[in-house]
C-alpha cells in the first residue's frame, strides 16, 4: 500500500470514528492503535506507554491543570458573580451596557482561567438570566456569552497557546504577549456590536441612555472596587511575573492557582470541604480530559510520522504552486472545517505537525500564525455542528433553543473574520509586544 493510500485510509478512519460519537481521546487513540497493530512492528505496540509518557514528560504541560484550577476557583465560587455584577454597575449608563459588561466579564475571567467552557459557564449562568430579565433577546444574550467565552482561548493565559507553543517550539511567553492585542481588538469589536444591536432592539430605551433599571450612581459603582481589586491584583501579579521575566509560565501558573485559591478561601469563605470539593473535582475532570486528548493526539501524530504520512503530506504542501497568503488561506479553511468536528486541542496536535514545515518554507511568522489559528479555532467553538460553547449555553439556559443560540453567534463569527483580516493587514497588532520581550 502506498503512503498516499495509507494516509487517506488513516484520515478516513479517523473521521468515521469521530462521527460515530466516540469521545475524541478514545477515537483518536483507537485509530492510532489499530494502525500500529496493522502496519507497524509489534515492538512499537509494546513501547506505546513509554512513547506516550515521553511526549507528556514536558514541564510546560504542568501549566494546564494549574490554569484550570485558577478558573475553577473563580468559576465555582461566588467570585465569578461578583466580577460580573461589579462590571455591570460601571457600564449601567451605557446603552447596551449590561451586554458590554458581560463581554468584559468574559474577557477578565478568560485572563484568569484560559478556558472557554469555564468562562461561558461562570459568566453565562449569571449573565444570561439577568440580560433576559432586562429585555435582551434570547439570540443576543446567548450570542454574547457564547462568543465572549471564546476569548478564553486567546487572552493569556491560554491553554491553547501553551499547546501551540509546545508543538511548534515557540516561546509561550511571546505567544501570550501576542494574544493581548488581538484579545483587546475582539473584545472591543464585540462590545461595539452589542451596543449597535441593543439600540436596534430597544430604540426607546437606548434613547433614554441606559438599560432598563440599570442606572447606578457613583456611590454604587465605588462600592464594587473592593470586589474588583482582588481580580485585578491576581491579573497584575500574573502579568508582572511572566512578562517581567521573574517566573516561567509553569511557575506563573502555580502562582496564579495559589492566588485564586487564597482569594476564594479568605474573601469568600470557601474553606470547607463542601466548598472546595467542586473546585478540586472540576479541576481534576477537566485536566484529565485535556491531558487524555493530548496523550492520544501525540500517539496519533507518532503513528503518522512513523508511517511517513506526515512527511509526504508536508512535501506535497511545500510543492504546491501557492504563494504565502494563498497557502495561509487554504490552511485557514482547513482549520475552520476541522473546527466543525474537533476541539482546539485536537486540531493543534493533529494539524500543526503536518503544516509546520510548509509554514516555515513560506516564511510565515509562527507567533502571528498561532494567534490567527487561535481566532479560527474560536470560531469553531461557536459554529455547528459541534460548537462546544453552543452546548454549554444550551445547558445553562435550556429554555433557549439551539437554533436561537446559533443565530445569535453568527454576527460574532463575522466579527472574528474581520479581526483576522485586520491582523493580516496589520500584523504588528500581534508582533509588537513579542518583539520587545527578551
Protein backbone atom coordinates (compact mmCIF):
# COMPACT_ATOMS: atom_id res chain seq x y z
CA UNK A 1 0.00 0.00 0.00
CA UNK A 2 1.40 3.40 -0.99
CA UNK A 3 1.90 6.21 1.51
CA UNK A 4 -0.87 8.20 -0.17
CA UNK A 5 -3.35 5.32 0.15
CA UNK A 6 -2.27 4.75 3.74
CA UNK A 7 -2.72 8.43 4.55
CA UNK A 8 -6.19 8.54 3.00
CA UNK A 9 -7.17 5.40 4.89
CA UNK A 10 -5.81 6.83 8.15
CA UNK A 11 -7.66 10.13 7.74
CA UNK A 12 -10.86 8.46 6.58
CA UNK A 13 -10.87 6.02 9.50
CA UNK A 14 -10.36 8.92 11.90
CA UNK A 15 -13.38 10.85 10.63
CA UNK A 16 -15.58 7.76 10.60
CA UNK A 17 -14.76 7.01 14.23
CA UNK A 18 -15.20 10.66 15.26
CA UNK A 19 -18.61 10.79 13.57
CA UNK A 20 -19.64 7.69 15.50
CA UNK A 21 -19.87 9.83 18.62
CA UNK A 22 -16.97 8.20 20.45
CA UNK A 23 -15.11 10.58 22.83
CA UNK A 24 -12.30 12.31 20.95
CA UNK A 25 -9.44 10.93 23.04
CA UNK A 26 -10.59 7.32 22.59
CA UNK A 27 -11.43 7.83 18.90
CA UNK A 28 -8.00 9.24 18.04
CA UNK A 29 -6.17 6.76 20.25
CA UNK A 30 -8.17 3.82 18.92
CA UNK A 31 -7.39 4.65 15.29
CA UNK A 32 -3.70 5.07 16.12
CA UNK A 33 -3.60 1.73 17.97
CA UNK A 34 -5.39 -0.08 15.12
CA UNK A 35 -2.85 1.19 12.57
CA UNK A 36 0.02 0.31 14.90
CA UNK A 37 -1.24 -3.28 15.07
CA UNK A 38 -1.82 -3.48 11.32
CA UNK A 39 1.18 -1.65 9.84
CA UNK A 40 3.89 -1.33 12.48
CA UNK A 41 6.20 -3.87 14.20
CA UNK A 42 4.94 -5.42 17.43
CA UNK A 43 7.75 -3.79 19.38
CA UNK A 44 6.18 -0.37 18.77
CA UNK A 45 2.97 -1.54 20.39
CA UNK A 46 4.95 -2.89 23.33
CA UNK A 47 6.55 0.50 23.98
CA UNK A 48 3.36 2.50 23.36
CA UNK A 49 3.03 3.52 27.02
CA UNK A 50 6.64 4.69 27.08
CA UNK A 51 6.08 6.66 23.87
CA UNK A 52 3.06 8.46 25.32
CA UNK A 53 4.88 9.14 28.60
CA UNK A 54 7.92 10.59 26.84
CA UNK A 55 5.69 13.04 24.96
CA UNK A 56 3.82 14.08 28.10
CA UNK A 57 7.05 14.41 30.09
CA UNK A 58 7.17 18.14 29.40
CA UNK A 59 7.33 20.59 32.28
CA UNK A 60 5.38 23.19 30.31
CA UNK A 61 2.30 20.93 30.28
CA UNK A 62 2.15 21.35 34.05
CA UNK A 63 0.63 24.75 33.38
CA UNK A 64 -2.59 23.17 32.10
CA UNK A 65 -4.01 21.74 35.36
CA UNK A 66 -2.79 24.79 37.27
CA UNK A 67 -4.54 27.26 34.99
CA UNK A 68 -7.64 25.03 35.04
CA UNK A 69 -7.50 25.21 38.87
CA UNK A 70 -7.42 29.03 38.61
CA UNK A 71 -10.57 29.04 36.53
CA UNK A 72 -12.36 26.52 38.74
CA UNK A 73 -11.57 28.51 41.88
CA UNK A 74 -13.25 31.59 40.43
CA UNK A 75 -15.98 29.91 38.39
CA UNK A 76 -17.25 27.56 41.08
CA UNK A 77 -17.42 30.18 43.84
CA UNK A 78 -19.22 33.49 44.27
CA UNK A 79 -16.19 35.25 42.81
CA UNK A 80 -17.49 34.97 39.24
CA UNK A 81 -20.83 36.54 40.17
CA UNK A 82 -19.04 39.39 41.96
CA UNK A 83 -16.88 40.09 38.94
CA UNK A 84 -19.95 40.23 36.71
CA UNK A 85 -22.06 42.45 38.99
CA UNK A 86 -19.20 44.90 39.55
CA UNK A 87 -18.66 45.44 35.83
CA UNK A 88 -22.41 45.77 35.31
CA UNK A 89 -22.55 48.73 37.70
CA UNK A 90 -19.77 50.57 35.91
CA UNK A 91 -21.41 50.16 32.48
CA UNK A 92 -25.01 50.64 33.60
CA UNK A 93 -25.46 54.06 31.94
CA UNK A 94 -24.22 52.93 28.53
CA UNK A 95 -26.89 51.78 26.04
CA UNK A 96 -26.37 48.04 25.90
CA UNK A 97 -24.10 48.37 28.94
CA UNK A 98 -25.33 45.16 30.52
CA UNK A 99 -24.33 43.18 27.44
CA UNK A 100 -20.99 45.01 27.28
CA UNK A 101 -20.43 44.17 30.95
CA UNK A 102 -20.88 40.51 30.09
CA UNK A 103 -18.29 40.79 27.29
CA UNK A 104 -15.83 42.47 29.65
CA UNK A 105 -16.55 39.95 32.38
CA UNK A 106 -15.78 37.15 29.91
CA UNK A 107 -12.52 38.90 28.96
CA UNK A 108 -11.35 39.31 32.56
CA UNK A 109 -12.43 35.81 33.50
CA UNK A 110 -10.62 34.48 30.44
CA UNK A 111 -7.49 36.30 31.57
CA UNK A 112 -7.64 34.29 34.78
CA UNK A 113 -8.56 30.81 33.64
CA UNK A 114 -7.76 30.36 29.93
CA UNK A 115 -10.73 28.04 29.41
CA UNK A 116 -13.60 28.84 27.06
CA UNK A 117 -16.23 26.45 28.50
CA UNK A 118 -15.38 27.59 32.05
CA UNK A 119 -15.81 31.23 31.01
CA UNK A 120 -19.17 30.51 29.36
CA UNK A 121 -20.43 28.58 32.35
CA UNK A 122 -19.27 31.00 35.03
CA UNK A 123 -20.43 34.24 33.40
CA UNK A 124 -23.39 32.84 31.48
CA UNK A 125 -25.08 31.26 34.50
CA UNK A 126 -25.44 34.76 35.97
CA UNK A 127 -25.41 36.95 32.87
CA UNK A 128 -27.98 35.26 30.62
CA UNK A 129 -30.88 35.32 33.15
CA UNK A 130 -30.05 38.93 34.01
CA UNK A 131 -29.98 40.01 30.35
CA UNK A 132 -33.24 38.18 29.62
CA UNK A 133 -34.79 39.94 32.63
CA UNK A 134 -33.69 43.31 31.22
CA UNK A 135 -35.29 42.67 27.84
CA UNK A 136 -32.37 41.33 25.80
CA UNK A 137 -33.49 38.86 23.15
CA UNK A 138 -32.57 35.21 23.61
CA UNK A 139 -30.40 35.37 20.49
CA UNK A 140 -28.40 38.39 21.65
CA UNK A 141 -27.99 37.21 25.25
CA UNK A 142 -26.81 33.73 24.27
CA UNK A 143 -24.61 35.06 21.45
CA UNK A 144 -22.84 37.47 23.81
CA UNK A 145 -21.89 34.73 26.27
CA UNK A 146 -21.04 32.09 23.65
CA UNK A 147 -18.78 34.49 21.73
CA UNK A 148 -17.38 36.15 24.85
CA UNK A 149 -16.46 32.73 26.17
CA UNK A 150 -14.23 32.09 23.15
CA UNK A 151 -11.91 34.83 24.40
CA UNK A 152 -10.77 32.28 26.99
CA UNK A 153 -8.51 30.56 24.46
CA UNK A 154 -6.99 33.81 23.13
CA UNK A 155 -6.43 36.18 26.05
CA UNK A 156 -3.47 34.92 28.09
CA UNK A 157 -3.05 32.70 29.96
CA UNK A 158 -4.39 30.36 27.29
CA UNK A 159 -4.25 26.56 27.32
CA UNK A 160 -4.47 26.60 23.52
CA UNK A 161 -1.44 28.87 23.14
CA UNK A 162 0.51 26.69 25.59
CA UNK A 163 -0.09 23.60 23.46
CA UNK A 164 0.68 25.50 20.26
CA UNK A 165 3.96 26.64 21.79
CA UNK A 166 4.86 23.08 22.81
CA UNK A 167 4.12 21.63 19.35
CA UNK A 168 5.82 24.40 17.34
CA UNK A 169 8.65 25.01 19.85
CA UNK A 170 7.77 28.70 20.13
CA UNK A 171 8.13 30.85 23.25
CA UNK A 172 4.95 30.60 25.30
CA UNK A 173 5.69 33.99 26.84
CA UNK A 174 5.83 35.59 23.38
CA UNK A 175 2.62 33.81 22.35
CA UNK A 176 0.91 35.18 25.45
CA UNK A 177 2.15 38.68 24.60
CA UNK A 178 0.95 38.23 21.01
CA UNK A 179 -2.56 37.37 22.21
CA UNK A 180 -3.04 40.60 24.19
CA UNK A 181 -3.58 42.98 21.23
CA UNK A 182 -5.96 40.69 19.29
CA UNK A 183 -7.79 39.89 22.54
CA UNK A 184 -8.42 43.58 23.15
CA UNK A 185 -9.39 44.05 19.48
CA UNK A 186 -12.00 41.28 19.59
CA UNK A 187 -13.33 42.48 22.94
CA UNK A 188 -13.85 45.99 21.52
CA UNK A 189 -15.47 44.67 18.33
CA UNK A 190 -17.85 42.52 20.38
CA UNK A 191 -18.77 45.45 22.64
CA UNK A 192 -19.39 47.78 19.69
CA UNK A 193 -21.66 45.19 18.05
CA UNK A 194 -23.57 44.64 21.30
CA UNK A 195 -24.21 48.39 21.55
CA UNK A 196 -25.41 48.57 17.93
CA UNK A 197 -27.65 45.51 18.26
CA UNK A 198 -29.09 46.70 21.56
CA UNK A 199 -30.05 50.05 20.03
CA UNK A 200 -31.85 48.23 17.23
CA UNK A 201 -33.78 46.03 19.65
CA UNK A 202 -34.58 48.77 22.19
CA UNK A 203 -34.64 52.12 20.43
CA UNK A 204 -36.82 53.74 23.08
CA UNK A 205 -34.68 52.59 25.98
CA UNK A 206 -31.47 53.44 24.10
CA UNK A 207 -32.76 56.99 23.61
CA UNK A 208 -33.08 57.18 27.39
CA UNK A 209 -29.40 56.36 27.65
CA UNK A 210 -29.36 53.14 29.66
CA UNK A 211 -30.69 49.65 30.06
CA UNK A 212 -33.98 49.46 31.89
CA UNK A 213 -33.47 49.60 35.65
CA UNK A 214 -29.71 49.60 35.19
CA UNK A 215 -28.73 53.10 36.36
CA UNK A 216 -26.22 53.19 39.23
CA UNK A 217 -24.80 56.27 40.93
CA UNK A 218 -21.11 56.79 41.69
CA UNK A 219 -21.50 55.52 45.24
CA UNK A 220 -22.89 52.21 43.96
CA UNK A 221 -20.02 51.95 41.50
CA UNK A 222 -17.30 52.73 44.01
CA UNK A 223 -18.72 50.11 46.36
CA UNK A 224 -17.66 47.47 43.82
CA UNK A 225 -13.97 48.41 43.87
CA UNK A 226 -13.09 46.21 46.88
CA UNK A 227 -14.63 43.27 45.00
CA UNK A 228 -12.83 44.06 41.74
CA UNK A 229 -9.47 44.70 43.41
CA UNK A 230 -8.61 41.02 44.11
CA UNK A 231 -9.24 40.04 40.48
CA UNK A 232 -7.14 42.90 39.18
CA UNK A 233 -4.41 42.09 41.70
CA UNK A 234 -4.22 38.45 40.55
CA UNK A 235 -4.07 39.52 36.89
CA UNK A 236 -1.34 42.11 37.60
CA UNK A 237 0.72 39.57 39.58
CA UNK A 238 0.49 37.06 36.70
CA UNK A 239 1.40 39.63 34.04
CA UNK A 240 4.29 41.15 36.01
CA UNK A 241 5.73 37.75 36.97
CA UNK A 242 5.50 36.37 33.42
CA UNK A 243 6.39 39.37 31.29
CA UNK A 244 8.86 40.80 33.77
CA UNK A 245 10.94 37.65 33.44
CA UNK A 246 10.55 36.80 37.11
CA UNK A 247 9.00 33.38 36.52
CA UNK A 248 8.46 30.75 33.82
CA UNK A 249 4.93 30.02 32.53
CA UNK A 250 4.75 26.93 34.76
CA UNK A 251 5.75 28.94 37.81
CA UNK A 252 3.29 31.68 36.92
CA UNK A 253 0.53 29.08 36.66
CA UNK A 254 1.39 27.90 40.18
CA UNK A 255 1.38 31.48 41.48
CA UNK A 256 -1.96 32.18 39.84
CA UNK A 257 -3.58 28.98 41.13
CA UNK A 258 -2.37 29.68 44.66
CA UNK A 259 -3.53 33.33 44.48
CA UNK A 260 -7.02 32.36 43.27
CA UNK A 261 -7.40 29.67 45.92
CA UNK A 262 -6.22 32.12 48.58
CA UNK A 263 -8.73 34.69 47.32
CA UNK A 264 -11.75 32.37 47.44
CA UNK A 265 -10.74 30.93 50.81
CA UNK A 266 -10.06 34.24 52.59
CA UNK A 267 -12.53 36.60 50.89
CA UNK A 268 -15.37 34.21 50.06
CA UNK A 269 -15.08 31.75 52.93
CA UNK A 270 -14.62 28.71 50.68
CA UNK A 271 -12.57 26.74 53.20
CA UNK A 272 -14.99 23.90 53.99
CA UNK A 273 -14.73 20.61 52.11
CA UNK A 274 -18.20 21.17 50.63
CA UNK A 275 -16.89 24.40 49.09
CA UNK A 276 -13.53 23.06 47.93
CA UNK A 277 -14.83 19.75 46.56
CA UNK A 278 -16.49 21.18 43.40
CA UNK A 279 -13.38 23.29 42.71
CA UNK A 280 -10.95 20.39 43.05
CA UNK A 281 -13.15 17.76 41.39
CA UNK A 282 -13.90 20.10 38.48
CA UNK A 283 -10.19 20.74 38.05
CA UNK A 284 -9.41 17.02 38.01
CA UNK A 285 -12.16 16.22 35.49
CA UNK A 286 -11.25 18.95 33.01
CA UNK A 287 -7.50 18.42 33.38
CA UNK A 288 -7.81 14.67 32.84
CA UNK A 289 -10.00 15.22 29.78
CA UNK A 290 -7.49 17.66 28.23
CA UNK A 291 -4.45 15.52 29.09
CA UNK A 292 -6.10 12.39 27.66
CA UNK A 293 -6.74 14.20 24.38
CA UNK A 294 -3.14 15.43 24.37
CA UNK A 295 -1.75 11.96 25.09
CA UNK A 296 -3.80 10.24 22.40
CA UNK A 297 -3.11 13.02 19.89
CA UNK A 298 0.62 12.61 20.48
CA UNK A 299 0.23 8.89 19.79
CA UNK A 300 -1.80 9.69 16.68
CA UNK A 301 0.90 12.02 15.29
CA UNK A 302 3.63 9.49 16.23
CA UNK A 303 1.93 6.85 14.07
CA UNK A 304 1.52 9.36 11.23
CA UNK A 305 5.21 10.18 11.39
CA UNK A 306 6.32 6.53 11.60
CA UNK A 307 4.24 5.64 8.54
CA UNK A 308 5.73 8.69 6.71
CA UNK A 309 2.28 10.19 6.21
CA UNK A 310 3.31 13.49 7.83
CA UNK A 311 6.47 13.80 5.75
CA UNK A 312 4.72 13.01 2.46
CA UNK A 313 1.90 15.46 3.10
CA UNK A 314 4.38 18.15 4.20
CA UNK A 315 6.41 17.70 0.99
CA UNK A 316 3.23 17.85 -1.06
CA UNK A 317 2.13 21.06 0.68
CA UNK A 318 5.53 22.70 0.18
CA UNK A 319 5.44 21.76 -3.51
CA UNK A 320 2.02 23.29 -4.18
CA UNK A 321 2.17 26.29 -6.56
CA UNK A 322 0.78 28.64 -3.92
CA UNK A 323 2.09 31.93 -2.62
CA UNK A 324 2.40 32.70 1.08
CA UNK A 325 -1.05 34.20 1.53
CA UNK A 326 -2.81 31.65 -0.66
CA UNK A 327 -1.27 28.89 1.43
CA UNK A 328 -2.29 30.60 4.69
CA UNK A 329 -5.83 30.99 3.30
CA UNK A 330 -6.25 27.30 2.48
CA UNK A 331 -4.75 26.19 5.79
CA UNK A 332 -7.22 28.55 7.48
CA UNK A 333 -10.08 26.96 5.56
CA UNK A 334 -8.87 23.52 6.72
CA UNK A 335 -8.80 24.69 10.34
CA UNK A 336 -12.32 26.12 10.08
CA UNK A 337 -13.62 22.85 8.56
CA UNK A 338 -11.93 20.77 11.25
CA UNK A 339 -13.47 23.12 13.81
CA UNK A 340 -16.86 21.70 12.82
CA UNK A 341 -15.85 18.40 14.40
CA UNK A 342 -12.80 18.78 16.66
CA UNK A 343 -11.87 20.89 19.70
CA UNK A 344 -8.85 23.25 19.55
CA UNK A 345 -6.57 20.84 21.43
CA UNK A 346 -7.05 18.08 18.87
CA UNK A 347 -6.73 20.45 15.88
CA UNK A 348 -3.38 21.79 17.08
CA UNK A 349 -1.90 18.39 17.83
CA UNK A 350 -3.13 16.78 14.61
CA UNK A 351 -2.69 19.62 12.08
CA UNK A 352 0.42 21.53 13.13
CA UNK A 353 2.95 18.67 12.66
CA UNK A 354 1.71 18.39 9.06
CA UNK A 355 1.59 22.06 8.05
CA UNK A 356 4.52 23.34 10.16
CA UNK A 357 7.27 22.60 7.58
CA UNK A 358 5.26 24.31 4.84
CA UNK A 359 4.56 27.35 7.02
CA UNK A 360 8.28 27.70 7.67
CA UNK A 361 9.07 27.25 3.97
CA UNK A 362 6.66 30.07 3.09
CA UNK A 363 8.22 32.34 5.72
CA UNK A 364 5.07 32.63 7.86
CA UNK A 365 5.76 34.05 11.33
CA UNK A 366 4.74 31.27 13.72
CA UNK A 367 3.83 33.64 16.56
CA UNK A 368 1.46 35.53 14.25
CA UNK A 369 0.02 32.32 12.80
CA UNK A 370 -0.54 30.90 16.30
CA UNK A 371 -2.76 33.86 17.17
CA UNK A 372 -4.65 33.72 13.85
CA UNK A 373 -5.11 29.97 14.25
CA UNK A 374 -6.49 30.54 17.74
CA UNK A 375 -9.07 33.02 16.42
CA UNK A 376 -10.03 30.49 13.72
CA UNK A 377 -10.50 27.84 16.39
CA UNK A 378 -12.55 30.31 18.43
CA UNK A 379 -14.99 30.29 15.51
CA UNK A 380 -15.15 26.51 15.77
CA UNK A 381 -16.35 26.83 19.37
CA UNK A 382 -19.48 28.72 18.33
CA UNK A 383 -20.48 27.25 14.98
CA UNK A 384 -22.39 23.98 14.47
CA UNK A 385 -22.46 21.05 14.42
CA UNK A 386 -20.04 20.53 17.32
CA UNK A 387 -19.50 24.06 18.66
CA UNK A 388 -18.72 23.32 22.31
CA UNK A 389 -19.87 26.70 23.61
CA UNK A 390 -23.27 26.24 21.95
CA UNK A 391 -23.93 23.19 24.08
CA UNK A 392 -22.56 24.85 27.22
CA UNK A 393 -25.01 27.73 26.71
CA UNK A 394 -27.84 25.30 25.97
CA UNK A 395 -27.01 23.52 29.22
CA UNK A 396 -27.09 26.63 31.43
CA UNK A 397 -30.09 28.16 29.60
CA UNK A 398 -32.22 25.19 28.45
CA UNK A 399 -35.16 27.48 27.66
CA UNK A 400 -33.18 28.93 24.73
CA UNK A 401 -33.26 26.64 21.70
CA UNK A 402 -30.06 25.62 19.97
CA UNK A 403 -31.30 27.28 16.78
CA UNK A 404 -31.62 30.66 18.52
CA UNK A 405 -28.15 30.29 20.06
CA UNK A 406 -26.65 29.57 16.62
CA UNK A 407 -28.33 32.61 15.05
CA UNK A 408 -27.12 34.72 17.95
CA UNK A 409 -23.49 33.73 17.36
CA UNK A 410 -23.39 34.33 13.57
CA UNK A 411 -22.65 38.10 13.80
CA UNK A 412 -19.76 37.36 16.17
CA UNK A 413 -18.31 34.86 13.67
CA UNK A 414 -18.37 37.69 11.12
CA UNK A 415 -16.51 39.94 13.58
CA UNK A 416 -13.84 37.24 14.06
CA UNK A 417 -13.34 37.02 10.29
CA UNK A 418 -12.99 40.81 10.19
CA UNK A 419 -10.43 40.65 13.02
CA UNK A 420 -8.35 38.09 11.09
CA UNK A 421 -8.31 40.37 8.06
CA UNK A 422 -7.15 43.24 10.28
CA UNK A 423 -4.36 41.04 11.73
CA UNK A 424 -3.28 40.09 8.20
CA UNK A 425 -3.13 43.75 7.14
CA UNK A 426 -1.55 44.91 10.40
CA UNK A 427 0.49 42.00 11.85
CA UNK A 428 2.11 44.47 14.29
CA UNK A 429 -1.00 44.11 16.45
CA UNK A 430 0.29 40.61 17.22
CA UNK A 431 4.04 41.06 16.86
CA UNK A 432 4.74 44.42 18.51
CA UNK A 433 4.74 43.21 22.13
CA UNK A 434 6.58 39.89 21.47
CA UNK A 435 9.22 41.84 19.53
CA UNK A 436 10.01 43.90 22.60
CA UNK A 437 10.31 40.99 25.01
CA UNK A 438 13.66 39.41 25.88
